[in-house]
Amino acid sequence: MFLMAASGVSELSVPFPSSSLARIALGSLAPDPEPRKGGISKELSVTEDTLHVRWRADEARILRVSVSSFLEHLSLVVETMDLFGPPVA
């Protein structure tokens, strides 16, 4: 679910089949800082089996670029998880 608030805060919640997969996604996506200095920030967290992303942006254009880039990276992470299968304990 993607929510966009008038205050410049937007949120995305991505459910995963398990909490371990959500944490793997967090670990894979969290190291990517926003390339711009200023104008946007991104926070990632996990609650149970859901990855949460929150953006704060000054401009809609900057938000659009950041969300698009994040979704591309998320797609790659999910494809990689599918190829390697579930984590081994």
PDB file of N, CA and C in Angstrom:
ATOM      1  N   MET A   1       0.839  -1.162   0.000  1.00  0.00           N
ATOM      2  CA  MET A   1       0.000   0.000   0.000  1.00  0.00           C
ATOM      3  C   MET A   1       0.893   1.238   0.000  1.00  0.00           C
ATOM      4  N   PHE A   2       0.558   2.221  -0.846  1.00  0.00           N
ATOM      5  CA  PHE A   2       1.316   3.464  -0.929  1.00  0.00           C
ATOM      6  C   PHE A   2       0.415   4.606  -0.511  1.00  0.00           C
ATOM      7  N   LEU A   3       0.850   5.375   0.463  1.00  0.00           N
ATOM      8  CA  LEU A   3       0.091   6.525   0.945  1.00  0.00           C
ATOM      9  C   LEU A   3       0.894   7.788   0.713  1.00  0.00           C
ATOM     10  N   MET A   4       0.232   8.816   0.198  1.00  0.00           N
ATOM     11  CA  MET A   4       0.899  10.090  -0.011  1.00  0.00           C
ATOM     12  C   MET A   4       0.134  11.159   0.749  1.00  0.00           C
ATOM     13  N   ALA A   5       0.798  11.805   1.672  1.00  0.00           N
ATOM     14  CA  ALA A   5       0.158  12.826   2.497  1.00  0.00           C
ATOM     15  C   ALA A   5       0.502  14.215   1.978  1.00  0.00           C
ATOM     16  N   ALA A   6      -0.347  15.160   2.261  1.00  0.00           N
ATOM     17  CA  ALA A   6      -0.126  16.539   1.829  1.00  0.00           C
ATOM     18  C   ALA A   6       1.094  17.160   2.502  1.00  0.00           C
ATOM     19  N   SER A   7       1.523  16.620   3.611  1.00  0.00           N
ATOM     20  CA  SER A   7       2.649  17.178   4.360  1.00  0.00           C
ATOM     21  C   SER A   7       4.002  16.841   3.751  1.00  0.00           C
ATOM     22  N   GLY A   8       4.026  16.184   2.598  1.00  0.00           N
ATOM     23  CA  GLY A   8       5.278  15.806   1.974  1.00  0.00           C
ATOM     24  C   GLY A   8       5.815  14.480   2.463  1.00  0.00           C
ATOM     25  N   VAL A   9       5.018  13.732   3.227  1.00  0.00           N
ATOM     26  CA  VAL A   9       5.415  12.417   3.729  1.00  0.00           C
ATOM     27  C   VAL A   9       4.646  11.355   2.955  1.00  0.00           C
ATOM     28  N   SER A  10       5.366  10.377   2.426  1.00  0.00           N
ATOM     29  CA  SER A  10       4.749   9.268   1.701  1.00  0.00           C
ATOM     30  C   SER A  10       5.237   7.966   2.297  1.00  0.00           C
ATOM     31  N   GLU A  11       4.357   6.965   2.320  1.00  0.00           N
ATOM     32  CA  GLU A  11       4.699   5.687   2.937  1.00  0.00           C
ATOM     33  C   GLU A  11       4.329   4.535   2.020  1.00  0.00           C
ATOM     34  N   LEU A  12       5.138   3.486   2.096  1.00  0.00           N
ATOM     35  CA  LEU A  12       4.902   2.260   1.347  1.00  0.00           C
ATOM     36  C   LEU A  12       5.075   1.095   2.306  1.00  0.00           C
ATOM     37  N   SER A  13       4.131   0.153   2.290  1.00  0.00           N
ATOM     38  CA  SER A  13       4.229  -1.070   3.093  1.00  0.00           C
ATOM     39  C   SER A  13       4.257  -2.251   2.142  1.00  0.00           C
ATOM     40  N   VAL A  14       5.278  -3.109   2.303  1.00  0.00           N
ATOM     41  CA  VAL A  14       5.462  -4.252   1.414  1.00  0.00           C
ATOM     42  C   VAL A  14       5.421  -5.526   2.251  1.00  0.00           C
ATOM     43  N   PRO A  15       4.367  -6.338   2.112  1.00  0.00           N
ATOM     44  CA  PRO A  15       4.301  -7.591   2.871  1.00  0.00           C
ATOM     45  C   PRO A  15       5.199  -8.658   2.243  1.00  0.00           C
ATOM     46  N   PHE A  16       5.806  -9.476   3.088  1.00  0.00           N
ATOM     47  CA  PHE A  16       6.629 -10.601   2.653  1.00  0.00           C
ATOM     48  C   PHE A  16       6.055 -11.880   3.249  1.00  0.00           C
ATOM     49  N   PRO A  17       6.403 -13.041   2.681  1.00  0.00           N
ATOM     50  CA  PRO A  17       5.884 -14.309   3.212  1.00  0.00           C
ATOM     51  C   PRO A  17       6.326 -14.608   4.644  1.00  0.00           C
ATOM     52  N   SER A  18       7.448 -14.008   5.078  1.00  0.00           N
ATOM     53  CA  SER A  18       7.937 -14.266   6.435  1.00  0.00           C
ATOM     54  C   SER A  18       8.706 -13.055   6.943  1.00  0.00           C
ATOM     55  N   SER A  19       8.894 -13.011   8.255  1.00  0.00           N
ATOM     56  CA  SER A  19       9.655 -11.905   8.840  1.00  0.00           C
ATOM     57  C   SER A  19      11.126 -11.979   8.445  1.00  0.00           C
ATOM     58  N   SER A  20      11.652 -13.186   8.267  1.00  0.00           N
ATOM     59  CA  SER A  20      13.064 -13.298   7.879  1.00  0.00           C
ATOM     60  C   SER A  20      13.293 -12.731   6.477  1.00  0.00           C
ATOM     61  N   LEU A  21      12.354 -12.945   5.562  1.00  0.00           N
ATOM     62  CA  LEU A  21      12.493 -12.373   4.219  1.00  0.00           C
ATOM     63  C   LEU A  21      12.355 -10.852   4.256  1.00  0.00           C
ATOM     64  N   ALA A  22      11.485 -10.341   5.097  1.00  0.00           N
ATOM     65  CA  ALA A  22      11.347  -8.886   5.238  1.00  0.00           C
ATOM     66  C   ALA A  22      12.645  -8.282   5.769  1.00  0.00           C
ATOM     67  N   ARG A  23      13.292  -8.958   6.726  1.00  0.00           N
ATOM     68  CA  ARG A  23      14.559  -8.461   7.277  1.00  0.00           C
ATOM     69  C   ARG A  23      15.683  -8.544   6.240  1.00  0.00           C
ATOM     70  N   ILE A  24      15.673  -9.595   5.415  1.00  0.00           N
ATOM     71  CA  ILE A  24      16.670  -9.700   4.342  1.00  0.00           C
ATOM     72  C   ILE A  24      16.497  -8.542   3.362  1.00  0.00           C
ATOM     73  N   ALA A  25      15.258  -8.248   2.998  1.00  0.00           N
ATOM     74  CA  ALA A  25      14.995  -7.126   2.090  1.00  0.00           C
ATOM     75  C   ALA A  25      15.475  -5.817   2.710  1.00  0.00           C
ATOM     76  N   LEU A  26      15.192  -5.628   3.989  1.00  0.00           N
ATOM     77  CA  LEU A  26      15.650  -4.425   4.688  1.00  0.00           C
ATOM     78  C   LEU A  26      17.170  -4.322   4.625  1.00  0.00           C
ATOM     79  N   GLY A  27      17.847  -5.414   4.918  1.00  0.00           N
ATOM     80  CA  GLY A  27      19.303  -5.412   4.889  1.00  0.00           C
ATOM     81  C   GLY A  27      19.875  -5.140   3.510  1.00  0.00           C
ATOM     82  N   SER A  28      19.158  -5.562   2.478  1.00  0.00           N
ATOM     83  CA  SER A  28      19.618  -5.339   1.108  1.00  0.00           C
ATOM     84  C   SER A  28      19.338  -3.922   0.629  1.00  0.00           C
ATOM     85  N   LEU A  29      18.246  -3.338   1.085  1.00  0.00           N
ATOM     86  CA  LEU A  29      17.822  -2.030   0.582  1.00  0.00           C
ATOM     87  C   LEU A  29      18.277  -0.860   1.442  1.00  0.00           C
ATOM     88  N   ALA A  30      18.492  -1.070   2.724  1.00  0.00           N
ATOM     89  CA  ALA A  30      18.843   0.022   3.635  1.00  0.00           C
ATOM     90  C   ALA A  30      20.181   0.692   3.311  1.00  0.00           C
ATOM     91  N   PRO A  31      21.192  -0.025   2.811  1.00  0.00           N
ATOM     92  CA  PRO A  31      22.481   0.632   2.572  1.00  0.00           C
ATOM     93  C   PRO A  31      22.466   1.675   1.461  1.00  0.00           C
ATOM     94  N   ASP A  32      21.389   1.741   0.661  1.00  0.00           N
ATOM     95  CA  ASP A  32      21.348   2.675  -0.458  1.00  0.00           C
ATOM     96  C   ASP A  32      20.832   4.040  -0.005  1.00  0.00           C
ATOM     97  N   PRO A  33      21.740   4.991   0.262  1.00  0.00           N
ATOM     98  CA  PRO A  33      21.278   6.323   0.674  1.00  0.00           C
ATOM     99  C   PRO A  33      20.723   7.084  -0.530  1.00  0.00           C
ATOM    100  N   GLU A  34      19.982   8.122  -0.254  1.00  0.00           N
ATOM    101  CA  GLU A  34      19.483   8.967  -1.331  1.00  0.00           C
ATOM    102  C   GLU A  34      20.674   9.687  -1.956  1.00  0.00           C
ATOM    103  N   PRO A  35      20.758   9.716  -3.300  1.00  0.00           N
ATOM    104  CA  PRO A  35      21.912  10.339  -3.955  1.00  0.00           C
ATOM    105  C   PRO A  35      21.964  11.857  -3.789  1.00  0.00           C
ATOM    106  N   ARG A  36      20.828  12.489  -3.637  1.00  0.00           N
ATOM    107  CA  ARG A  36      20.776  13.947  -3.470  1.00  0.00           C
ATOM    108  C   ARG A  36      21.043  14.328  -2.024  1.00  0.00           C
ATOM    109  N   LYS A  37      21.689  15.432  -1.866  1.00  0.00           N
ATOM    110  CA  LYS A  37      21.856  16.005  -0.529  1.00  0.00           C
ATOM    111  C   LYS A  37      20.731  17.014  -0.329  1.00  0.00           C
ATOM    112  N   GLY A  38      19.824  16.707   0.574  1.00  0.00           N
ATOM    113  CA  GLY A  38      18.715  17.619   0.844  1.00  0.00           C
ATOM    114  C   GLY A  38      17.533  17.383  -0.083  1.00  0.00           C
ATOM    115  N   GLY A  39      16.380  17.816   0.368  1.00  0.00           N
ATOM    116  CA  GLY A  39      15.185  17.710  -0.446  1.00  0.00           C
ATOM    117  C   GLY A  39      14.415  16.426  -0.274  1.00  0.00           C
ATOM    118  N   ILE A  40      15.092  15.361   0.208  1.00  0.00           N
ATOM    119  CA  ILE A  40      14.412  14.079   0.389  1.00  0.00           C
ATOM    120  C   ILE A  40      15.134  13.244   1.444  1.00  0.00           C
ATOM    121  N   SER A  41      14.353  12.478   2.175  1.00  0.00           N
ATOM    122  CA  SER A  41      14.926  11.499   3.101  1.00  0.00           C
ATOM    123  C   SER A  41      14.083  10.236   3.025  1.00  0.00           C
ATOM    124  N   LYS A  42      14.704   9.110   3.346  1.00  0.00           N
ATOM    125  CA  LYS A  42      14.028   7.810   3.271  1.00  0.00           C
ATOM    126  C   LYS A  42      14.366   7.027   4.527  1.00  0.00           C
ATOM    127  N   GLU A  43      13.341   6.460   5.168  1.00  0.00           N
ATOM    128  CA  GLU A  43      13.526   5.627   6.360  1.00  0.00           C
ATOM    129  C   GLU A  43      12.912   4.263   6.090  1.00  0.00           C
ATOM    130  N   LEU A  44      13.645   3.201   6.406  1.00  0.00           N
ATOM    131  CA  LEU A  44      13.147   1.838   6.240  1.00  0.00           C
ATOM    132  C   LEU A  44      13.080   1.153   7.592  1.00  0.00           C
ATOM    133  N   SER A  45      12.053   0.316   7.766  1.00  0.00           N
ATOM    134  CA  SER A  45      11.912  -0.471   8.988  1.00  0.00           C
ATOM    135  C   SER A  45      11.113  -1.725   8.672  1.00  0.00           C
ATOM    136  N   VAL A  46      11.154  -2.682   9.604  1.00  0.00           N
ATOM    137  CA  VAL A  46      10.392  -3.926   9.460  1.00  0.00           C
ATOM    138  C   VAL A  46       9.547  -4.118  10.707  1.00  0.00           C
ATOM    139  N   THR A  47       8.282  -4.466  10.503  1.00  0.00           N
ATOM    140  CA  THR A  47       7.376  -4.868  11.572  1.00  0.00           C
ATOM    141  C   THR A  47       6.815  -6.224  11.184  1.00  0.00           C
ATOM    142  N   GLU A  48       7.166  -7.233  11.968  1.00  0.00           N
ATOM    143  CA  GLU A  48       6.772  -8.617  11.674  1.00  0.00           C
ATOM    144  C   GLU A  48       7.206  -8.982  10.260  1.00  0.00           C
ATOM    145  N   ASP A  49       6.264  -9.234   9.341  1.00  0.00           N
ATOM    146  CA  ASP A  49       6.639  -9.661   7.992  1.00  0.00           C
ATOM    147  C   ASP A  49       6.449  -8.553   6.954  1.00  0.00           C
ATOM    148  N   THR A  50       6.440  -7.294   7.395  1.00  0.00           N
ATOM    149  CA  THR A  50       6.186  -6.177   6.483  1.00  0.00           C
ATOM    150  C   THR A  50       7.335  -5.171   6.505  1.00  0.00           C
ATOM    151  N   LEU A  51       7.809  -4.837   5.313  1.00  0.00           N
ATOM    152  CA  LEU A  51       8.819  -3.797   5.145  1.00  0.00           C
ATOM    153  C   LEU A  51       8.090  -2.460   4.990  1.00  0.00           C
ATOM    154  N   HIS A  52       8.488  -1.473   5.786  1.00  0.00           N
ATOM    155  CA  HIS A  52       7.875  -0.145   5.732  1.00  0.00           C
ATOM    156  C   HIS A  52       8.913   0.859   5.235  1.00  0.00           C
ATOM    157  N   VAL A  53       8.482   1.710   4.320  1.00  0.00           N
ATOM    158  CA  VAL A  53       9.355   2.763   3.798  1.00  0.00           C
ATOM    159  C   VAL A  53       8.619   4.085   3.944  1.00  0.00           C
ATOM    160  N   ARG A  54       9.331   5.084   4.441  1.00  0.00           N
ATOM    161  CA  ARG A  54       8.742   6.419   4.593  1.00  0.00           C
ATOM    162  C   ARG A  54       9.672   7.433   3.936  1.00  0.00           C
ATOM    163  N   TRP A  55       9.111   8.205   3.032  1.00  0.00           N
ATOM    164  CA  TRP A  55       9.839   9.279   2.370  1.00  0.00           C
ATOM    165  C   TRP A  55       9.323  10.620   2.856  1.00  0.00           C
ATOM    166  N   ARG A  56      10.238  11.574   2.954  1.00  0.00           N
ATOM    167  CA  ARG A  56       9.883  12.980   3.161  1.00  0.00           C
ATOM    168  C   ARG A  56      10.546  13.734   2.011  1.00  0.00           C
ATOM    169  N   ALA A  57       9.736  14.437   1.222  1.00  0.00           N
ATOM    170  CA  ALA A  57      10.275  15.117   0.047  1.00  0.00           C
ATOM    171  C   ALA A  57       9.742  16.535  -0.051  1.00  0.00           C
ATOM    172  N   ASP A  58      10.612  17.420  -0.526  1.00  0.00           N
ATOM    173  CA  ASP A  58      10.221  18.812  -0.732  1.00  0.00           C
ATOM    174  C   ASP A  58       9.431  18.991  -2.028  1.00  0.00           C
ATOM    175  N   GLU A  59       9.724  18.145  -3.029  1.00  0.00           N
ATOM    176  CA  GLU A  59       9.090  18.279  -4.341  1.00  0.00           C
ATOM    177  C   GLU A  59       8.582  16.925  -4.825  1.00  0.00           C
ATOM    178  N   ALA A  60       7.464  16.950  -5.527  1.00  0.00           N
ATOM    179  CA  ALA A  60       6.884  15.714  -6.065  1.00  0.00           C
ATOM    180  C   ALA A  60       7.828  15.043  -7.057  1.00  0.00           C
ATOM    181  N   ARG A  61       8.551  15.827  -7.843  1.00  0.00           N
ATOM    182  CA  ARG A  61       9.473  15.265  -8.836  1.00  0.00           C
ATOM    183  C   ARG A  61      10.572  14.444  -8.161  1.00  0.00           C
ATOM    184  N   ILE A  62      11.123  14.976  -7.089  1.00  0.00           N
ATOM    185  CA  ILE A  62      12.180  14.274  -6.361  1.00  0.00           C
ATOM    186  C   ILE A  62      11.623  12.989  -5.748  1.00  0.00           C
ATOM    187  N   LEU A  63      10.428  13.070  -5.203  1.00  0.00           N
ATOM    188  CA  LEU A  63       9.779  11.890  -4.630  1.00  0.00           C
ATOM    189  C   LEU A  63       9.569  10.819  -5.691  1.00  0.00           C
ATOM    190  N   ARG A  64       9.085  11.218  -6.848  1.00  0.00           N
ATOM    191  CA  ARG A  64       8.821  10.269  -7.934  1.00  0.00           C
ATOM    192  C   ARG A  64      10.097   9.521  -8.342  1.00  0.00           C
ATOM    193  N   VAL A  65      11.189  10.229  -8.476  1.00  0.00           N
ATOM    194  CA  VAL A  65      12.462   9.603  -8.853  1.00  0.00           C
ATOM    195  C   VAL A  65      12.921   8.629  -7.772  1.00  0.00           C
ATOM    196  N   SER A  66      12.821   9.029  -6.520  1.00  0.00           N
ATOM    197  CA  SER A  66      13.256   8.175  -5.416  1.00  0.00           C
ATOM    198  C   SER A  66      12.405   6.914  -5.307  1.00  0.00           C
ATOM    199  N   VAL A  67      11.083   7.067  -5.400  1.00  0.00           N
ATOM    200  CA  VAL A  67      10.191   5.908  -5.303  1.00  0.00           C
ATOM    201  C   VAL A  67      10.427   4.964  -6.475  1.00  0.00           C
ATOM    202  N   SER A  68      10.575   5.514  -7.672  1.00  0.00           N
ATOM    203  CA  SER A  68      10.824   4.683  -8.853  1.00  0.00           C
ATOM    204  C   SER A  68      12.117   3.883  -8.699  1.00  0.00           C
ATOM    205  N   SER A  69      13.168   4.534  -8.248  1.00  0.00           N
ATOM    206  CA  SER A  69      14.443   3.854  -8.031  1.00  0.00           C
ATOM    207  C   SER A  69      14.312   2.771  -6.964  1.00  0.00           C
ATOM    208  N   PHE A  70      13.624   3.093  -5.872  1.00  0.00           N
ATOM    209  CA  PHE A  70      13.437   2.115  -4.804  1.00  0.00           C
ATOM    210  C   PHE A  70      12.679   0.891  -5.311  1.00  0.00           C
ATOM    211  N   LEU A  71      11.624   1.107  -6.094  1.00  0.00           N
ATOM    212  CA  LEU A  71      10.832  -0.018  -6.605  1.00  0.00           C
ATOM    213  C   LEU A  71      11.651  -0.904  -7.542  1.00  0.00           C
ATOM    214  N   GLU A  72      12.548  -0.306  -8.325  1.00  0.00           N
ATOM    215  CA  GLU A  72      13.444  -1.104  -9.172  1.00  0.00           C
ATOM    216  C   GLU A  72      14.354  -1.974  -8.314  1.00  0.00           C
ATOM    217  N   HIS A  73      14.939  -1.389  -7.265  1.00  0.00           N
ATOM    218  CA  HIS A  73      15.807  -2.153  -6.369  1.00  0.00           C
ATOM    219  C   HIS A  73      15.018  -3.238  -5.631  1.00  0.00           C
ATOM    220  N   LEU A  74      13.823  -2.905  -5.178  1.00  0.00           N
ATOM    221  CA  LEU A  74      12.972  -3.883  -4.497  1.00  0.00           C
ATOM    222  C   LEU A  74      12.650  -5.049  -5.421  1.00  0.00           C
ATOM    223  N   SER A  75      12.338  -4.760  -6.663  1.00  0.00           N
ATOM    224  CA  SER A  75      12.044  -5.815  -7.637  1.00  0.00           C
ATOM    225  C   SER A  75      13.240  -6.751  -7.800  1.00  0.00           C
ATOM    226  N   LEU A  76      14.434  -6.192  -7.880  1.00  0.00           N
ATOM    227  CA  LEU A  76      15.645  -7.003  -8.006  1.00  0.00           C
ATOM    228  C   LEU A  76      15.862  -7.869  -6.768  1.00  0.00           C
ATOM    229  N   VAL A  77      15.638  -7.310  -5.587  1.00  0.00           N
ATOM    230  CA  VAL A  77      15.789  -8.068  -4.338  1.00  0.00           C
ATOM    231  C   VAL A  77      14.800  -9.227  -4.298  1.00  0.00           C
ATOM    232  N   VAL A  78      13.545  -8.972  -4.655  1.00  0.00           N
ATOM    233  CA  VAL A  78      12.522 -10.027  -4.631  1.00  0.00           C
ATOM    234  C   VAL A  78      12.840 -11.110  -5.664  1.00  0.00           C
ATOM    235  N   GLU A  79      13.270 -10.715  -6.864  1.00  0.00           N
ATOM    236  CA  GLU A  79      13.654 -11.703  -7.881  1.00  0.00           C
ATOM    237  C   GLU A  79      14.809 -12.571  -7.384  1.00  0.00           C
ATOM    238  N   THR A  80      15.782 -11.958  -6.735  1.00  0.00           N
ATOM    239  CA  THR A  80      16.928 -12.706  -6.208  1.00  0.00           C
ATOM    240  C   THR A  80      16.486 -13.672  -5.117  1.00  0.00           C
ATOM    241  N   MET A  81      15.591 -13.237  -4.238  1.00  0.00           N
ATOM    242  CA  MET A  81      15.060 -14.126  -3.197  1.00  0.00           C
ATOM    243  C   MET A  81      14.356 -15.323  -3.827  1.00  0.00           C
ATOM    244  N   ASP A  82      13.586 -15.072  -4.880  1.00  0.00           N
ATOM    245  CA  ASP A  82      12.881 -16.161  -5.562  1.00  0.00           C
ATOM    246  C   ASP A  82      13.860 -17.159  -6.173  1.00  0.00           C
ATOM    247  N   LEU A  83      14.950 -16.657  -6.759  1.00  0.00           N
ATOM    248  CA  LEU A  83      15.938 -17.539  -7.385  1.00  0.00           C
ATOM    249  C   LEU A  83      16.672 -18.409  -6.367  1.00  0.00           C
ATOM    250  N   PHE A  84      17.003 -17.829  -5.211  1.00  0.00           N
ATOM    251  CA  PHE A  84      17.761 -18.564  -4.204  1.00  0.00           C
ATOM    252  C   PHE A  84      16.891 -19.376  -3.261  1.00  0.00           C
ATOM    253  N   GLY A  85      15.599 -19.106  -3.240  1.00  0.00           N
ATOM    254  CA  GLY A  85      14.702 -19.852  -2.358  1.00  0.00           C
ATOM    255  C   GLY A  85      14.725 -19.306  -0.948  1.00  0.00           C
ATOM    256  N   PRO A  86      13.973 -19.944  -0.050  1.00  0.00           N
ATOM    257  CA  PRO A  86      13.876 -19.453   1.329  1.00  0.00           C
ATOM    258  C   PRO A  86      15.212 -19.575   2.058  1.00  0.00           C
ATOM    259  N   PRO A  87      15.437 -18.699   3.047  1.00  0.00           N
ATOM    260  CA  PRO A  87      16.690 -18.764   3.804  1.00  0.00           C
ATOM    261  C   PRO A  87      16.799 -20.061   4.595  1.00  0.00           C
ATOM    262  N   VAL A  88      18.017 -20.553   4.687  1.00  0.00           N
ATOM    263  CA  VAL A  88      18.291 -21.774   5.445  1.00  0.00           C
ATOM    264  C   VAL A  88      18.699 -21.369   6.853  1.00  0.00           C
ATOM    265  N   ALA A  89      18.090 -21.981   7.836  1.00  0.00           N
ATOM    266  CA  ALA A  89      18.377 -21.618   9.233  1.00  0.00           C
ATOM    267  C   ALA A  89      19.706 -22.143   9.691  1.00  0.00           C
TER     268      ALA A  89
END
